[in-house]
N, C-alpha and C. Protein backbone atom coordinates (compact mmCIF):
# COMPACT_ATOMS: atom_id res chain seq x y z
N MET A 1 10.40 45.71 32.53
CA MET A 1 10.48 44.38 32.39
C MET A 1 9.37 43.51 32.79
N PRO A 2 8.36 43.20 32.06
CA PRO A 2 7.18 42.53 32.74
C PRO A 2 7.27 41.22 33.55
N TYR A 3 8.31 40.52 33.09
CA TYR A 3 8.66 39.25 33.64
C TYR A 3 9.75 39.02 34.56
N GLN A 4 9.53 38.46 35.64
CA GLN A 4 10.91 38.43 36.32
C GLN A 4 10.95 36.78 36.98
N TRP A 5 11.95 36.26 36.63
CA TRP A 5 12.19 34.62 37.22
C TRP A 5 12.98 34.94 38.42
N ASN A 6 12.22 34.38 39.50
CA ASN A 6 12.74 34.28 40.78
C ASN A 6 12.96 32.65 41.31
N THR A 7 13.79 32.44 41.79
CA THR A 7 14.12 30.92 42.41
C THR A 7 14.39 31.19 43.60
N GLY A 8 14.43 32.11 44.31
CA GLY A 8 14.44 32.44 45.81
C GLY A 8 13.85 31.48 46.63
N ASN A 9 12.61 31.31 46.20
CA ASN A 9 11.56 30.37 47.26
C ASN A 9 10.96 29.36 46.65
N ILE A 10 11.26 28.58 46.23
CA ILE A 10 11.13 27.10 45.62
C ILE A 10 10.08 26.47 46.48
N GLY A 11 10.77 26.35 47.71
CA GLY A 11 10.28 25.63 48.64
C GLY A 11 10.35 23.90 48.31
N ALA A 12 9.47 23.28 48.20
CA ALA A 12 9.53 21.76 48.13
C ALA A 12 9.22 21.16 46.80
N LEU A 13 9.41 22.08 45.88
CA LEU A 13 8.94 21.72 44.37
C LEU A 13 10.04 20.86 43.83
N TRP A 14 11.09 20.71 44.06
CA TRP A 14 12.07 19.81 44.00
C TRP A 14 11.77 18.22 44.08
N ILE A 15 11.07 18.04 45.05
CA ILE A 15 10.67 16.78 45.68
C ILE A 15 10.08 15.90 44.49
N ALA A 16 9.05 16.44 43.76
CA ALA A 16 8.62 15.57 42.65
C ALA A 16 9.18 14.92 41.69
N PRO A 17 10.04 15.73 41.08
CA PRO A 17 10.90 15.30 39.98
C PRO A 17 12.27 14.52 40.81
N ALA A 18 12.60 14.65 42.11
CA ALA A 18 13.51 13.79 42.41
C ALA A 18 12.99 12.54 42.88
N LEU A 19 11.47 12.09 43.37
CA LEU A 19 10.87 11.01 43.45
C LEU A 19 10.80 10.40 42.14
N LEU A 20 10.29 11.25 41.29
CA LEU A 20 10.42 10.33 40.12
C LEU A 20 11.54 9.68 39.45
N GLY A 21 12.40 10.40 39.67
CA GLY A 21 13.84 9.93 39.10
C GLY A 21 14.29 8.63 40.06
N VAL A 22 14.23 8.80 41.26
CA VAL A 22 14.33 7.41 42.03
C VAL A 22 13.22 6.46 41.65
N ALA A 23 12.21 6.69 41.61
CA ALA A 23 11.27 5.54 40.78
C ALA A 23 11.82 4.96 39.69
N LEU A 24 12.22 5.87 38.81
CA LEU A 24 12.55 5.16 37.36
C LEU A 24 13.74 4.19 37.57
N ILE A 25 14.82 4.86 38.66
CA ILE A 25 15.97 4.13 38.74
C ILE A 25 15.72 2.60 39.42
N LEU A 26 14.98 2.75 40.59
CA LEU A 26 14.20 1.50 40.97
C LEU A 26 13.36 0.64 40.04
N PHE A 27 12.96 1.16 39.10
CA PHE A 27 12.26 0.28 38.06
C PHE A 27 13.47 -0.37 36.92
N GLY A 28 14.15 0.56 36.78
CA GLY A 28 15.25 0.04 35.98
C GLY A 28 16.05 -1.20 36.75
N VAL A 29 16.65 -0.96 37.64
CA VAL A 29 17.22 -1.99 38.67
C VAL A 29 16.33 -3.36 38.60
N LEU A 30 15.11 -3.29 39.03
CA LEU A 30 14.03 -4.36 39.11
C LEU A 30 13.96 -5.01 37.73
N VAL A 31 14.01 -4.17 36.39
CA VAL A 31 13.90 -4.90 35.37
C VAL A 31 15.19 -5.59 35.04
N PHE A 32 16.15 -5.09 35.56
CA PHE A 32 17.40 -5.79 35.31
C PHE A 32 17.72 -7.19 35.97
N ILE A 33 17.09 -6.87 37.23
CA ILE A 33 17.31 -8.25 38.10
C ILE A 33 16.15 -9.07 37.79
N VAL A 34 15.00 -8.72 37.29
CA VAL A 34 13.98 -9.59 37.07
C VAL A 34 13.38 -9.29 35.63
N PRO A 35 14.32 -9.70 34.45
CA PRO A 35 13.80 -9.37 33.59
C PRO A 35 12.28 -9.42 32.71
N ARG A 36 11.68 -10.66 33.55
CA ARG A 36 10.05 -10.73 33.10
C ARG A 36 9.28 -9.62 33.64
N LEU A 37 9.70 -8.90 34.27
CA LEU A 37 8.73 -7.47 34.83
C LEU A 37 8.76 -6.55 33.81
N LEU A 38 9.75 -6.76 33.07
CA LEU A 38 9.48 -5.68 31.57
C LEU A 38 8.13 -6.10 30.96
N GLN A 39 7.82 -7.51 30.82
CA GLN A 39 6.63 -7.75 30.20
C GLN A 39 5.32 -7.13 30.78
N PHE A 40 5.38 -7.16 32.02
CA PHE A 40 4.14 -6.77 32.98
C PHE A 40 4.02 -5.33 32.83
N ILE A 41 5.30 -4.47 32.83
CA ILE A 41 5.56 -3.06 32.81
C ILE A 41 5.04 -2.69 31.59
N VAL A 42 5.35 -3.17 30.50
CA VAL A 42 5.01 -2.66 28.91
C VAL A 42 3.38 -3.23 28.79
N ALA A 43 2.86 -4.21 29.24
CA ALA A 43 1.49 -4.63 29.17
C ALA A 43 0.82 -3.64 29.99
N ALA A 44 1.13 -3.16 31.03
CA ALA A 44 0.36 -2.09 32.25
C ALA A 44 0.23 -1.04 31.26
N VAL A 45 1.58 -0.53 30.66
CA VAL A 45 1.46 0.79 29.90
C VAL A 45 0.69 0.65 28.92
N LEU A 46 0.44 -0.24 27.99
CA LEU A 46 -0.51 -0.61 27.07
C LEU A 46 -1.99 -0.61 27.61
N VAL A 47 -1.88 -1.38 28.47
CA VAL A 47 -3.67 -1.28 28.94
C VAL A 47 -4.12 0.22 29.61
N PHE A 48 -2.94 0.92 30.10
CA PHE A 48 -3.40 2.00 30.56
C PHE A 48 -3.72 3.18 29.66
N ALA A 49 -2.98 3.08 28.32
CA ALA A 49 -3.17 3.59 27.34
C ALA A 49 -4.29 3.36 26.59
N GLY A 50 -4.64 2.18 26.46
CA GLY A 50 -6.06 1.68 25.80
C GLY A 50 -7.17 2.14 26.59
N CYS A 51 -7.07 2.17 27.72
CA CYS A 51 -8.18 2.90 28.85
C CYS A 51 -8.35 4.22 28.48
N SER A 52 -7.40 4.94 28.48
CA SER A 52 -7.36 6.19 28.63
C SER A 52 -7.91 6.76 27.01
N LEU A 53 -7.52 6.08 26.10
CA LEU A 53 -8.26 6.30 24.74
C LEU A 53 -9.58 5.92 24.62
N LEU A 54 -10.10 4.60 25.16
CA LEU A 54 -11.41 4.39 25.61
C LEU A 54 -12.41 5.51 26.09
N GLY A 55 -11.78 6.07 27.17
CA GLY A 55 -12.43 7.10 27.93
C GLY A 55 -12.31 8.37 27.36
N LEU A 56 -11.35 8.63 26.59
CA LEU A 56 -11.14 9.98 25.63
C LEU A 56 -12.50 9.68 24.72
N ALA A 57 -12.29 8.57 23.97
CA ALA A 57 -13.47 8.48 22.86
C ALA A 57 -14.68 8.53 23.69
N TRP A 58 -15.33 8.11 24.86
CA TRP A 58 -16.68 8.30 25.55
C TRP A 58 -16.80 9.52 25.74
N HIS A 59 -15.95 10.45 26.29
CA HIS A 59 -16.01 11.71 26.28
C HIS A 59 -16.26 12.62 25.26
N LEU A 60 -15.80 11.97 23.98
CA LEU A 60 -15.91 13.01 22.89
C LEU A 60 -17.14 12.31 22.13
N ARG A 61 -17.76 11.42 22.31
CA ARG A 61 -18.72 10.93 21.37
C ARG A 61 -19.76 11.62 21.53
N GLY A 62 -20.58 12.38 22.54
CA GLY A 62 -21.66 13.04 22.72
C GLY A 62 -21.30 14.44 21.93
N ARG A 63 -19.78 14.77 21.63
CA ARG A 63 -19.61 16.22 21.30
C ARG A 63 -19.78 16.38 19.83
N VAL A 64 -19.95 15.37 18.82
CA VAL A 64 -19.89 15.46 17.24
C VAL A 64 -21.33 16.15 16.84
N THR A 65 -21.49 17.16 16.19
CA THR A 65 -22.92 17.44 15.84
C THR A 65 -22.57 17.58 14.50
N TYR A 66 -23.66 17.32 13.86
CA TYR A 66 -23.85 17.50 12.45
C TYR A 66 -24.79 18.70 12.20
N ARG A 67 -24.62 19.70 11.21
CA ARG A 67 -25.66 20.76 10.75
C ARG A 67 -25.49 20.90 9.19
N ARG A 68 -26.78 21.26 8.68
CA ARG A 68 -26.81 21.23 7.39
C ARG A 68 -26.19 22.63 7.14
N MET A 69 -25.46 22.74 5.66
CA MET A 69 -25.10 24.06 5.34
C MET A 69 -26.11 25.11 5.34
N ASP A 70 -27.31 24.90 4.94
CA ASP A 70 -28.36 25.88 4.46
C ASP A 70 -28.99 26.34 5.70
N ASP A 71 -28.60 25.55 7.18
CA ASP A 71 -29.06 26.17 8.23
C ASP A 71 -28.56 27.39 8.82
N TYR A 72 -27.35 27.78 8.26
CA TYR A 72 -26.87 28.91 8.60
C TYR A 72 -27.47 30.30 7.97
N GLY A 73 -27.94 31.10 8.90
CA GLY A 73 -28.84 32.39 8.48
C GLY A 73 -27.84 33.54 8.98
N PRO A 74 -28.52 34.70 8.90
CA PRO A 74 -28.08 35.76 9.34
C PRO A 74 -27.77 36.02 10.77
N ASP A 75 -28.55 35.14 11.65
CA ASP A 75 -28.45 34.92 13.05
C ASP A 75 -27.28 34.11 13.39
N ASP A 76 -27.15 32.99 12.62
CA ASP A 76 -26.25 32.07 13.25
C ASP A 76 -24.61 32.47 12.61
N THR A 77 -23.78 32.29 13.34
CA THR A 77 -22.32 32.66 12.89
C THR A 77 -21.61 31.24 13.06
């Protein structure tokens, strides 16, 4: 049996999902109390996604290379 699942010593690994769950519940309650807050949350998510895509594009822009088909010889793979 090469793999053995052991949950005996998890430690504080449960804290991250618990805090995320509490944060989501608090955001839900805040949106319920202040519906206009939903506009700001959606706008922030869209801005973050747009910035992430621009960062990815900036990172990948130098990785595009073009080679001629006849450049491949016996040495090149």
